[in-house]
Amino acid sequence: MSRSVFNRFTAVLALIALMAFVPLTSQAQLRVDISGTGAQQFPVAIADFSGDPAGRLIAEVIRADLTRSGQLRRSTPLAHN
């Protein structure tokens, strides 16, 4: 029995020694290019959809998508009457 315990201990010790050679850090690169779309943004106004309570939520999703495109600037619908 003591020989079995010794073999297990030796195996665990060998595994720990092998793990010492495995790098624990990872490397990654991220590059983000932002080029001049902010100066050419066009104002856009999206009114809430009427007739359905979910219309306001749908309009918010559309507004957020268009704003994230970087090509359009959000404007209020009342400013364009």
N, C-alpha and C. Protein backbone atom coordinates (compact mmCIF):
# COMPACT_ATOMS: atom_id res chain seq x y z
N MET A 1 0.81 -1.20 0.00
CA MET A 1 0.00 0.00 0.00
C MET A 1 0.85 1.26 0.00
N SER A 2 1.92 1.25 0.74
CA SER A 2 2.76 2.43 0.80
C SER A 2 3.44 2.69 -0.55
N ARG A 3 3.67 1.62 -1.30
CA ARG A 3 4.27 1.78 -2.62
C ARG A 3 3.27 2.45 -3.57
N SER A 4 1.98 2.15 -3.45
CA SER A 4 0.94 2.78 -4.27
C SER A 4 0.83 4.27 -3.96
N VAL A 5 0.90 4.61 -2.69
CA VAL A 5 0.86 6.01 -2.28
C VAL A 5 2.08 6.74 -2.80
N PHE A 6 3.24 6.08 -2.74
CA PHE A 6 4.48 6.69 -3.24
C PHE A 6 4.39 6.92 -4.75
N ASN A 7 3.83 5.96 -5.48
CA ASN A 7 3.69 6.12 -6.94
C ASN A 7 2.74 7.28 -7.28
N ARG A 8 1.66 7.40 -6.54
CA ARG A 8 0.72 8.51 -6.78
C ARG A 8 1.38 9.85 -6.45
N PHE A 9 2.11 9.89 -5.36
CA PHE A 9 2.80 11.12 -4.97
C PHE A 9 3.82 11.50 -6.03
N THR A 10 4.55 10.53 -6.56
CA THR A 10 5.54 10.79 -7.59
C THR A 10 4.86 11.28 -8.87
N ALA A 11 3.73 10.71 -9.22
CA ALA A 11 3.01 11.13 -10.41
C ALA A 11 2.50 12.56 -10.26
N VAL A 12 1.97 12.89 -9.10
CA VAL A 12 1.49 14.25 -8.86
C VAL A 12 2.65 15.24 -8.88
N LEU A 13 3.75 14.87 -8.30
CA LEU A 13 4.93 15.72 -8.29
C LEU A 13 5.45 15.94 -9.71
N ALA A 14 5.45 14.90 -10.52
CA ALA A 14 5.89 15.03 -11.91
C ALA A 14 4.94 15.93 -12.69
N LEU A 15 3.65 15.83 -12.44
CA LEU A 15 2.66 16.68 -13.10
C LEU A 15 2.86 18.15 -12.73
N ILE A 16 3.12 18.40 -11.47
CA ILE A 16 3.38 19.77 -11.03
C ILE A 16 4.63 20.32 -11.69
N ALA A 17 5.66 19.50 -11.81
CA ALA A 17 6.90 19.93 -12.45
C ALA A 17 6.67 20.25 -13.93
N LEU A 18 5.86 19.46 -14.60
CA LEU A 18 5.55 19.72 -16.01
C LEU A 18 4.74 21.00 -16.18
N MET A 19 3.85 21.25 -15.23
CA MET A 19 3.02 22.46 -15.31
C MET A 19 3.85 23.72 -15.12
N ALA A 20 5.01 23.61 -14.51
CA ALA A 20 5.87 24.77 -14.32
C ALA A 20 6.39 25.29 -15.65
N PHE A 21 6.43 24.43 -16.66
CA PHE A 21 6.92 24.84 -17.97
C PHE A 21 5.83 25.35 -18.90
N VAL A 22 4.59 25.26 -18.48
CA VAL A 22 3.47 25.75 -19.28
C VAL A 22 3.27 27.23 -18.96
N PRO A 23 3.29 28.09 -19.99
CA PRO A 23 3.08 29.50 -19.70
C PRO A 23 1.65 29.76 -19.21
N LEU A 24 1.54 30.58 -18.21
CA LEU A 24 0.23 30.85 -17.61
C LEU A 24 -0.41 32.12 -18.16
N THR A 25 0.31 32.87 -18.97
CA THR A 25 -0.24 34.09 -19.53
C THR A 25 -0.54 33.89 -21.00
N SER A 26 -1.51 34.61 -21.47
CA SER A 26 -1.83 34.60 -22.90
C SER A 26 -1.58 35.98 -23.45
N GLN A 27 -1.33 36.03 -24.73
CA GLN A 27 -1.06 37.31 -25.36
C GLN A 27 -2.06 37.51 -26.48
N ALA A 28 -2.56 38.71 -26.58
CA ALA A 28 -3.50 39.06 -27.64
C ALA A 28 -3.24 40.50 -28.06
N GLN A 29 -3.60 40.79 -29.28
CA GLN A 29 -3.45 42.15 -29.77
C GLN A 29 -4.81 42.63 -30.24
N LEU A 30 -5.06 43.89 -29.99
CA LEU A 30 -6.30 44.52 -30.42
C LEU A 30 -5.94 45.85 -31.06
N ARG A 31 -6.46 46.05 -32.24
CA ARG A 31 -6.20 47.30 -32.95
C ARG A 31 -7.54 47.88 -33.39
N VAL A 32 -7.76 49.12 -33.02
CA VAL A 32 -8.99 49.81 -33.40
C VAL A 32 -8.60 51.05 -34.18
N ASP A 33 -9.07 51.14 -35.40
CA ASP A 33 -8.83 52.31 -36.23
C ASP A 33 -10.08 53.16 -36.26
N ILE A 34 -9.96 54.39 -35.85
CA ILE A 34 -11.07 55.33 -35.90
C ILE A 34 -10.65 56.44 -36.84
N SER A 35 -11.41 56.62 -37.89
CA SER A 35 -11.00 57.63 -38.87
C SER A 35 -12.17 58.49 -39.27
N GLY A 36 -12.12 59.72 -38.97
CA GLY A 36 -12.91 60.84 -39.40
C GLY A 36 -14.40 60.74 -39.68
N THR A 37 -15.12 59.74 -39.25
CA THR A 37 -16.56 59.75 -39.54
C THR A 37 -17.31 60.73 -38.66
N GLY A 38 -16.75 61.10 -37.51
CA GLY A 38 -17.44 62.01 -36.60
C GLY A 38 -17.66 63.38 -37.20
N ALA A 39 -16.76 63.82 -38.07
CA ALA A 39 -16.90 65.15 -38.67
C ALA A 39 -17.96 65.17 -39.77
N GLN A 40 -18.34 64.01 -40.27
CA GLN A 40 -19.29 63.94 -41.38
C GLN A 40 -20.62 63.30 -40.97
N GLN A 41 -20.95 63.37 -39.72
CA GLN A 41 -22.20 62.76 -39.25
C GLN A 41 -23.38 63.64 -39.65
N PHE A 42 -24.44 63.00 -40.12
CA PHE A 42 -25.66 63.70 -40.51
C PHE A 42 -26.69 63.55 -39.40
N PRO A 43 -27.41 64.61 -39.06
CA PRO A 43 -28.45 64.48 -38.03
C PRO A 43 -29.64 63.68 -38.56
N VAL A 44 -30.17 62.84 -37.71
CA VAL A 44 -31.34 62.04 -38.08
C VAL A 44 -32.27 61.99 -36.87
N ALA A 45 -33.56 62.08 -37.15
CA ALA A 45 -34.58 62.01 -36.10
C ALA A 45 -35.49 60.83 -36.39
N ILE A 46 -35.66 59.95 -35.43
CA ILE A 46 -36.55 58.80 -35.56
C ILE A 46 -37.67 58.98 -34.55
N ALA A 47 -38.88 59.13 -35.04
CA ALA A 47 -40.04 59.30 -34.16
C ALA A 47 -40.48 57.94 -33.61
N ASP A 48 -41.11 57.96 -32.44
CA ASP A 48 -41.65 56.73 -31.87
C ASP A 48 -42.76 56.20 -32.77
N PHE A 49 -42.83 54.89 -32.90
CA PHE A 49 -43.92 54.28 -33.66
C PHE A 49 -45.19 54.35 -32.82
N SER A 50 -46.28 54.76 -33.41
CA SER A 50 -47.52 54.90 -32.65
C SER A 50 -48.42 53.70 -32.88
N GLY A 51 -49.39 53.56 -32.00
CA GLY A 51 -50.36 52.49 -32.13
C GLY A 51 -49.99 51.22 -31.39
N ASP A 52 -48.79 51.15 -30.85
CA ASP A 52 -48.36 49.96 -30.15
C ASP A 52 -47.45 50.38 -28.99
N PRO A 53 -47.66 49.85 -27.80
CA PRO A 53 -46.79 50.22 -26.68
C PRO A 53 -45.31 49.88 -26.93
N ALA A 54 -45.05 48.87 -27.73
CA ALA A 54 -43.67 48.49 -28.01
C ALA A 54 -43.03 49.40 -29.05
N GLY A 55 -43.80 50.31 -29.62
CA GLY A 55 -43.28 51.20 -30.65
C GLY A 55 -42.14 52.07 -30.18
N ARG A 56 -42.21 52.52 -28.93
CA ARG A 56 -41.14 53.35 -28.39
C ARG A 56 -39.86 52.53 -28.26
N LEU A 57 -39.98 51.28 -27.82
CA LEU A 57 -38.81 50.41 -27.67
C LEU A 57 -38.18 50.09 -29.02
N ILE A 58 -39.01 49.85 -30.03
CA ILE A 58 -38.49 49.57 -31.37
C ILE A 58 -37.75 50.79 -31.91
N ALA A 59 -38.31 51.97 -31.71
CA ALA A 59 -37.68 53.19 -32.17
C ALA A 59 -36.34 53.41 -31.46
N GLU A 60 -36.25 53.09 -30.18
CA GLU A 60 -34.99 53.23 -29.44
C GLU A 60 -33.92 52.31 -30.00
N VAL A 61 -34.30 51.09 -30.37
CA VAL A 61 -33.34 50.16 -30.96
C VAL A 61 -32.82 50.70 -32.29
N ILE A 62 -33.71 51.23 -33.10
CA ILE A 62 -33.31 51.80 -34.39
C ILE A 62 -32.40 53.00 -34.17
N ARG A 63 -32.74 53.87 -33.23
CA ARG A 63 -31.90 55.04 -32.94
C ARG A 63 -30.50 54.61 -32.50
N ALA A 64 -30.44 53.63 -31.61
CA ALA A 64 -29.14 53.17 -31.11
C ALA A 64 -28.31 52.55 -32.23
N ASP A 65 -28.93 51.76 -33.09
CA ASP A 65 -28.21 51.14 -34.20
C ASP A 65 -27.65 52.19 -35.16
N LEU A 66 -28.45 53.17 -35.49
CA LEU A 66 -28.00 54.21 -36.41
C LEU A 66 -26.91 55.07 -35.79
N THR A 67 -27.01 55.34 -34.50
CA THR A 67 -25.98 56.13 -33.83
C THR A 67 -24.66 55.36 -33.78
N ARG A 68 -24.72 54.06 -33.50
CA ARG A 68 -23.50 53.24 -33.43
C ARG A 68 -22.84 53.06 -34.78
N SER A 69 -23.56 53.30 -35.86
CA SER A 69 -22.94 53.16 -37.18
C SER A 69 -21.85 54.21 -37.39
N GLY A 70 -21.92 55.33 -36.66
CA GLY A 70 -20.92 56.37 -36.78
C GLY A 70 -21.18 57.33 -37.92
N GLN A 71 -22.17 57.06 -38.74
CA GLN A 71 -22.47 57.90 -39.89
C GLN A 71 -23.55 58.94 -39.57
N LEU A 72 -24.34 58.68 -38.53
CA LEU A 72 -25.48 59.54 -38.22
C LEU A 72 -25.39 60.05 -36.79
N ARG A 73 -25.91 61.24 -36.57
CA ARG A 73 -25.98 61.85 -35.25
C ARG A 73 -27.45 61.92 -34.84
N ARG A 74 -27.74 61.50 -33.65
CA ARG A 74 -29.13 61.48 -33.17
C ARG A 74 -29.63 62.89 -32.92
N SER A 75 -30.83 63.16 -33.37
CA SER A 75 -31.47 64.44 -33.17
C SER A 75 -32.91 64.18 -32.67
N THR A 76 -33.50 65.14 -31.99
CA THR A 76 -34.86 64.95 -31.49
C THR A 76 -35.86 65.24 -32.60
N PRO A 77 -36.97 64.49 -32.66
CA PRO A 77 -37.98 64.72 -33.70
C PRO A 77 -38.58 66.11 -33.62
N LEU A 78 -38.67 66.70 -32.42
CA LEU A 78 -39.28 68.02 -32.27
C LEU A 78 -38.43 69.12 -32.89
N ALA A 79 -37.17 68.91 -33.05
CA ALA A 79 -36.28 69.92 -33.60
C ALA A 79 -36.46 70.09 -35.10
N HIS A 80 -37.20 69.21 -35.75
CA HIS A 80 -37.35 69.25 -37.20
C HIS A 80 -38.77 69.52 -37.66
N ASN A 81 -39.58 70.16 -36.84
CA ASN A 81 -40.96 70.47 -37.23
C ASN A 81 -41.01 71.64 -38.17
